[in-house]
Amino acid sequence: MDVETRQLAALATRALASRGLTRAPGDLAFTHKGQVVELTIDRSVYRGHFVTVHDGRRSKQQFRAIAGGYDWNAIARAIVEIAEARIRPFVPAPSPAQVKDQNRRLADELATMMGTHGNPRISIQPSASAPGRVRVRLDEVDLDPVSVMHLFAAVGRALPNS
């Protein structure tokens, strides 16, 4: 490790310590809630030194000096995010059958709440693939202007932004 890299490592230690992260023994690493997150300091030929935050499961994040200084807040946030992601329990994605059952229950509950069971003019059906979604089909209905505005607002909130 050259002198500049050692100086940057010492600066990183001070800057991250002031943000509540303690240095772990050994390599350049910091702890948050008992989780150790490793940093490396490398030098590129053209743009100088850069700090890399490593996580074995995700791609590494690199930070370069901007106007002569590093964004230590962003580096600290990256360390905290990695540490907290390790602490969170793994929740597997629901199976297609679970999604289908969940959506069926949701559609049945909504149809019951609205009293639309057996009504041929409106139907609420489960979405085939999107968890927590239902399909609403509405036949031609005569509405007053205020009801049209309410329907427009509801449909506008439901549609994805384009």
C-alpha atoms as a PDB file:
ATOM      1  CA  MET A   1       0.000   0.000   0.000  1.00  0.00           C
ATOM      2  CA  ASP A   2       1.535   3.289  -1.078  1.00  0.00           C
ATOM      3  CA  VAL A   3       1.588   6.425   1.075  1.00  0.00           C
ATOM      4  CA  GLU A   4      -1.390   8.071  -0.639  1.00  0.00           C
ATOM      5  CA  THR A   5      -3.499   4.931  -0.239  1.00  0.00           C
ATOM      6  CA  ARG A   6      -2.591   4.712   3.472  1.00  0.00           C
ATOM      7  CA  GLN A   7      -3.510   8.362   3.934  1.00  0.00           C
ATOM      8  CA  LEU A   8      -6.844   7.803   2.203  1.00  0.00           C
ATOM      9  CA  ALA A   9      -7.472   4.723   4.389  1.00  0.00           C
ATOM     10  CA  ALA A  10      -6.824   6.835   7.505  1.00  0.00           C
ATOM     11  CA  LEU A  11      -9.144   9.543   6.171  1.00  0.00           C
ATOM     12  CA  ALA A  12     -11.824   6.924   5.492  1.00  0.00           C
ATOM     13  CA  THR A  13     -11.474   5.580   9.031  1.00  0.00           C
ATOM     14  CA  ARG A  14     -11.932   9.052  10.543  1.00  0.00           C
ATOM     15  CA  ALA A  15     -14.748  10.086   8.195  1.00  0.00           C
ATOM     16  CA  LEU A  16     -16.730   6.877   8.684  1.00  0.00           C
ATOM     17  CA  ALA A  17     -16.110   6.836  12.449  1.00  0.00           C
ATOM     18  CA  SER A  18     -17.674  10.301  12.636  1.00  0.00           C
ATOM     19  CA  ARG A  19     -20.731   8.754  10.950  1.00  0.00           C
ATOM     20  CA  GLY A  20     -21.035   5.984  13.540  1.00  0.00           C
ATOM     21  CA  LEU A  21     -19.167   3.173  11.765  1.00  0.00           C
ATOM     22  CA  THR A  22     -16.335   1.479  13.622  1.00  0.00           C
ATOM     23  CA  ARG A  23     -13.303  -0.005  11.997  1.00  0.00           C
ATOM     24  CA  ALA A  24     -13.117  -3.788  12.057  1.00  0.00           C
ATOM     25  CA  PRO A  25      -9.791  -5.445  12.788  1.00  0.00           C
ATOM     26  CA  GLY A  26      -7.715  -6.602   9.856  1.00  0.00           C
ATOM     27  CA  ASP A  27      -8.343  -5.319   6.345  1.00  0.00           C
ATOM     28  CA  LEU A  28     -10.083  -2.025   5.654  1.00  0.00           C
ATOM     29  CA  ALA A  29     -13.561  -2.954   6.895  1.00  0.00           C
ATOM     30  CA  PHE A  30     -16.255  -1.329   8.991  1.00  0.00           C
ATOM     31  CA  THR A  31     -19.019  -2.703  11.201  1.00  0.00           C
ATOM     32  CA  HIS A  32     -22.676  -1.819  11.499  1.00  0.00           C
ATOM     33  CA  LYS A  33     -24.993  -3.807  13.780  1.00  0.00           C
ATOM     34  CA  GLY A  34     -22.392  -6.567  14.031  1.00  0.00           C
ATOM     35  CA  GLN A  35     -21.985  -6.948  10.272  1.00  0.00           C
ATOM     36  CA  VAL A  36     -18.567  -6.372   8.720  1.00  0.00           C
ATOM     37  CA  VAL A  37     -18.473  -4.650   5.331  1.00  0.00           C
ATOM     38  CA  GLU A  38     -15.182  -4.505   3.446  1.00  0.00           C
ATOM     39  CA  LEU A  39     -13.786  -1.502   1.590  1.00  0.00           C
ATOM     40  CA  THR A  40     -10.858  -1.346  -0.768  1.00  0.00           C
ATOM     41  CA  ILE A  41      -8.947   1.625  -2.050  1.00  0.00           C
ATOM     42  CA  ASP A  42      -7.521   1.332  -5.530  1.00  0.00           C
ATOM     43  CA  ARG A  43      -5.932   3.684  -7.988  1.00  0.00           C
ATOM     44  CA  SER A  44      -6.845   4.002 -11.633  1.00  0.00           C
ATOM     45  CA  VAL A  45      -4.352   5.230 -14.170  1.00  0.00           C
ATOM     46  CA  TYR A  46      -6.454   8.141 -15.355  1.00  0.00           C
ATOM     47  CA  ARG A  47      -8.760   9.238 -12.531  1.00  0.00           C
ATOM     48  CA  GLY A  48      -6.823   8.640  -9.335  1.00  0.00           C
ATOM     49  CA  HIS A  49      -7.949   6.779  -6.220  1.00  0.00           C
ATOM     50  CA  PHE A  50     -11.402   5.322  -5.728  1.00  0.00           C
ATOM     51  CA  VAL A  51     -13.120   3.605  -2.797  1.00  0.00           C
ATOM     52  CA  THR A  52     -15.024   0.373  -3.375  1.00  0.00           C
ATOM     53  CA  VAL A  53     -17.636  -1.023  -0.996  1.00  0.00           C
ATOM     54  CA  HIS A  54     -17.950  -4.802  -1.335  1.00  0.00           C
ATOM     55  CA  ASP A  55     -20.827  -7.182  -0.738  1.00  0.00           C
ATOM     56  CA  GLY A  56     -20.501 -10.780  -1.843  1.00  0.00           C
ATOM     57  CA  ARG A  57     -24.102 -11.073  -3.034  1.00  0.00           C
ATOM     58  CA  ARG A  58     -24.478  -7.796  -4.903  1.00  0.00           C
ATOM     59  CA  SER A  59     -22.275  -5.879  -7.267  1.00  0.00           C
ATOM     60  CA  LYS A  60     -19.697  -3.643  -5.666  1.00  0.00           C
ATOM     61  CA  GLN A  61     -20.175   0.109  -5.448  1.00  0.00           C
ATOM     62  CA  GLN A  62     -17.361   2.443  -6.410  1.00  0.00           C
ATOM     63  CA  PHE A  63     -16.929   6.020  -5.218  1.00  0.00           C
ATOM     64  CA  ARG A  64     -14.545   8.520  -6.778  1.00  0.00           C
ATOM     65  CA  ALA A  65     -13.422  11.901  -5.522  1.00  0.00           C
ATOM     66  CA  ILE A  66     -15.489  14.805  -6.799  1.00  0.00           C
ATOM     67  CA  ALA A  67     -13.800  18.199  -6.672  1.00  0.00           C
ATOM     68  CA  GLY A  68     -11.061  16.690  -4.524  1.00  0.00           C
ATOM     69  CA  GLY A  69     -13.306  15.092  -1.883  1.00  0.00           C
ATOM     70  CA  TYR A  70     -15.206  11.865  -1.384  1.00  0.00           C
ATOM     71  CA  ASP A  71     -18.890  11.659  -0.525  1.00  0.00           C
ATOM     72  CA  TRP A  72     -18.411   9.958   2.855  1.00  0.00           C
ATOM     73  CA  ASN A  73     -22.148  10.148   3.554  1.00  0.00           C
ATOM     74  CA  ALA A  74     -22.876   8.073   0.433  1.00  0.00           C
ATOM     75  CA  ILE A  75     -20.141   5.594   1.338  1.00  0.00           C
ATOM     76  CA  ALA A  76     -21.519   5.282   4.887  1.00  0.00           C
ATOM     77  CA  ARG A  77     -25.056   4.770   3.482  1.00  0.00           C
ATOM     78  CA  ALA A  78     -23.769   2.002   1.224  1.00  0.00           C
ATOM     79  CA  ILE A  79     -22.127   0.245   4.187  1.00  0.00           C
ATOM     80  CA  VAL A  80     -25.283   0.559   6.296  1.00  0.00           C
ATOM     81  CA  GLU A  81     -27.528  -0.706   3.464  1.00  0.00           C
ATOM     82  CA  ILE A  82     -25.326  -3.762   2.934  1.00  0.00           C
ATOM     83  CA  ALA A  83     -25.152  -4.539   6.654  1.00  0.00           C
ATOM     84  CA  GLU A  84     -28.899  -4.169   7.158  1.00  0.00           C
ATOM     85  CA  ALA A  85     -29.666  -6.266   4.075  1.00  0.00           C
ATOM     86  CA  ARG A  86     -27.629  -9.065   5.628  1.00  0.00           C
ATOM     87  CA  ILE A  87     -29.623  -8.824   8.860  1.00  0.00           C
ATOM     88  CA  ARG A  88     -33.065  -8.935   7.222  1.00  0.00           C
ATOM     89  CA  PRO A  89     -34.437 -12.454   6.986  1.00  0.00           C
ATOM     90  CA  PHE A  90     -34.726 -13.963   3.533  1.00  0.00           C
ATOM     91  CA  VAL A  91     -38.326 -14.074   2.373  1.00  0.00           C
ATOM     92  CA  PRO A  92     -38.810 -16.292  -0.657  1.00  0.00           C
ATOM     93  CA  ALA A  93     -40.992 -15.047  -3.477  1.00  0.00           C
ATOM     94  CA  PRO A  94     -44.495 -16.505  -3.437  1.00  0.00           C
ATOM     95  CA  SER A  95     -45.168 -19.402  -5.779  1.00  0.00           C
ATOM     96  CA  PRO A  96     -47.587 -18.926  -8.682  1.00  0.00           C
ATOM     97  CA  ALA A  97     -50.152 -21.055  -6.844  1.00  0.00           C
ATOM     98  CA  GLN A  98     -49.843 -18.835  -3.752  1.00  0.00           C
ATOM     99  CA  VAL A  99     -50.264 -15.704  -5.878  1.00  0.00           C
ATOM    100  CA  LYS A 100     -53.338 -17.198  -7.535  1.00  0.00           C
ATOM    101  CA  ASP A 101     -54.897 -18.155  -4.160  1.00  0.00           C
ATOM    102  CA  GLN A 102     -54.099 -14.753  -2.634  1.00  0.00           C
ATOM    103  CA  ASN A 103     -55.595 -12.912  -5.598  1.00  0.00           C
ATOM    104  CA  ARG A 104     -58.701 -15.153  -5.581  1.00  0.00           C
ATOM    105  CA  ARG A 105     -59.316 -14.330  -1.892  1.00  0.00           C
ATOM    106  CA  LEU A 106     -58.772 -10.628  -2.556  1.00  0.00           C
ATOM    107  CA  ALA A 107     -61.172 -10.607  -5.510  1.00  0.00           C
ATOM    108  CA  ASP A 108     -63.814 -12.494  -3.490  1.00  0.00           C
ATOM    109  CA  GLU A 109     -63.476 -10.086  -0.549  1.00  0.00           C
ATOM    110  CA  LEU A 110     -63.756  -7.026  -2.796  1.00  0.00           C
ATOM    111  CA  ALA A 111     -66.754  -8.444  -4.649  1.00  0.00           C
ATOM    112  CA  THR A 112     -68.451  -9.184  -1.320  1.00  0.00           C
ATOM    113  CA  MET A 113     -67.698  -5.701   0.039  1.00  0.00           C
ATOM    114  CA  MET A 114     -69.077  -4.052  -3.098  1.00  0.00           C
ATOM    115  CA  GLY A 115     -71.997  -6.478  -3.449  1.00  0.00           C
ATOM    116  CA  THR A 116     -71.107  -7.376  -7.032  1.00  0.00           C
ATOM    117  CA  HIS A 117     -71.384 -11.191  -6.766  1.00  0.00           C
ATOM    118  CA  GLY A 118     -73.703 -12.276  -9.565  1.00  0.00           C
ATOM    119  CA  ASN A 119     -73.966  -8.786 -11.063  1.00  0.00           C
ATOM    120  CA  PRO A 120     -73.476  -9.143 -14.838  1.00  0.00           C
ATOM    121  CA  ARG A 121     -72.563  -5.457 -15.293  1.00  0.00           C
ATOM    122  CA  ILE A 122     -69.407  -5.518 -13.131  1.00  0.00           C
ATOM    123  CA  SER A 123     -67.039  -8.349 -12.312  1.00  0.00           C
ATOM    124  CA  ILE A 124     -63.984  -8.534 -10.100  1.00  0.00           C
ATOM    125  CA  GLN A 125     -61.618 -11.358 -11.007  1.00  0.00           C
ATOM    126  CA  PRO A 126     -58.153 -12.244  -9.678  1.00  0.00           C
ATOM    127  CA  SER A 127     -55.113 -11.219 -11.665  1.00  0.00           C
ATOM    128  CA  ALA A 128     -53.394 -14.207 -13.224  1.00  0.00           C
ATOM    129  CA  SER A 129     -49.855 -13.182 -12.319  1.00  0.00           C
ATOM    130  CA  ALA A 130     -49.468  -9.938 -10.352  1.00  0.00           C
ATOM    131  CA  PRO A 131     -49.647 -10.410  -6.554  1.00  0.00           C
ATOM    132  CA  GLY A 132     -52.219  -8.205  -4.842  1.00  0.00           C
ATOM    133  CA  ARG A 133     -53.979  -7.265  -8.091  1.00  0.00           C
ATOM    134  CA  VAL A 134     -57.473  -7.904  -9.418  1.00  0.00           C
ATOM    135  CA  ARG A 135     -59.122  -7.392 -12.795  1.00  0.00           C
ATOM    136  CA  VAL A 136     -62.254  -5.289 -12.924  1.00  0.00           C
ATOM    137  CA  ARG A 137     -64.580  -5.461 -15.905  1.00  0.00           C
ATOM    138  CA  LEU A 138     -67.335  -2.898 -16.185  1.00  0.00           C
ATOM    139  CA  ASP A 139     -70.045  -3.094 -18.830  1.00  0.00           C
ATOM    140  CA  GLU A 140     -71.634   0.016 -20.226  1.00  0.00           C
ATOM    141  CA  VAL A 141     -73.164   2.041 -17.398  1.00  0.00           C
ATOM    142  CA  ASP A 142     -74.957   5.408 -17.389  1.00  0.00           C
ATOM    143  CA  LEU A 143     -73.231   7.743 -14.912  1.00  0.00           C
ATOM    144  CA  ASP A 144     -73.782  11.306 -13.782  1.00  0.00           C
ATOM    145  CA  PRO A 145     -70.862  13.752 -14.287  1.00  0.00           C
ATOM    146  CA  VAL A 146     -69.651  13.567 -10.671  1.00  0.00           C
ATOM    147  CA  SER A 147     -69.568   9.758 -10.788  1.00  0.00           C
ATOM    148  CA  VAL A 148     -67.633   9.950 -14.062  1.00  0.00           C
ATOM    149  CA  MET A 149     -65.026  12.154 -12.375  1.00  0.00           C
ATOM    150  CA  HIS A 150     -64.731   9.719  -9.448  1.00  0.00           C
ATOM    151  CA  LEU A 151     -64.375   6.786 -11.854  1.00  0.00           C
ATOM    152  CA  PHE A 152     -61.756   8.678 -13.877  1.00  0.00           C
ATOM    153  CA  ALA A 153     -59.753   9.425 -10.703  1.00  0.00           C
ATOM    154  CA  ALA A 154     -59.915   5.775  -9.590  1.00  0.00           C
ATOM    155  CA  VAL A 155     -58.843   4.484 -13.001  1.00  0.00           C
ATOM    156  CA  GLY A 156     -56.072   7.090 -13.199  1.00  0.00           C
ATOM    157  CA  ARG A 157     -54.638   5.902  -9.858  1.00  0.00           C
ATOM    158  CA  ALA A 158     -54.843   2.265 -10.965  1.00  0.00           C
ATOM    159  CA  LEU A 159     -53.112   2.624 -14.309  1.00  0.00           C
ATOM    160  CA  PRO A 160     -49.305   2.620 -14.412  1.00  0.00           C
ATOM    161  CA  ASN A 161     -47.629   5.906 -15.309  1.00  0.00           C
ATOM    162  CA  SER A 162     -46.721   6.111 -18.959  1.00  0.00           C
END
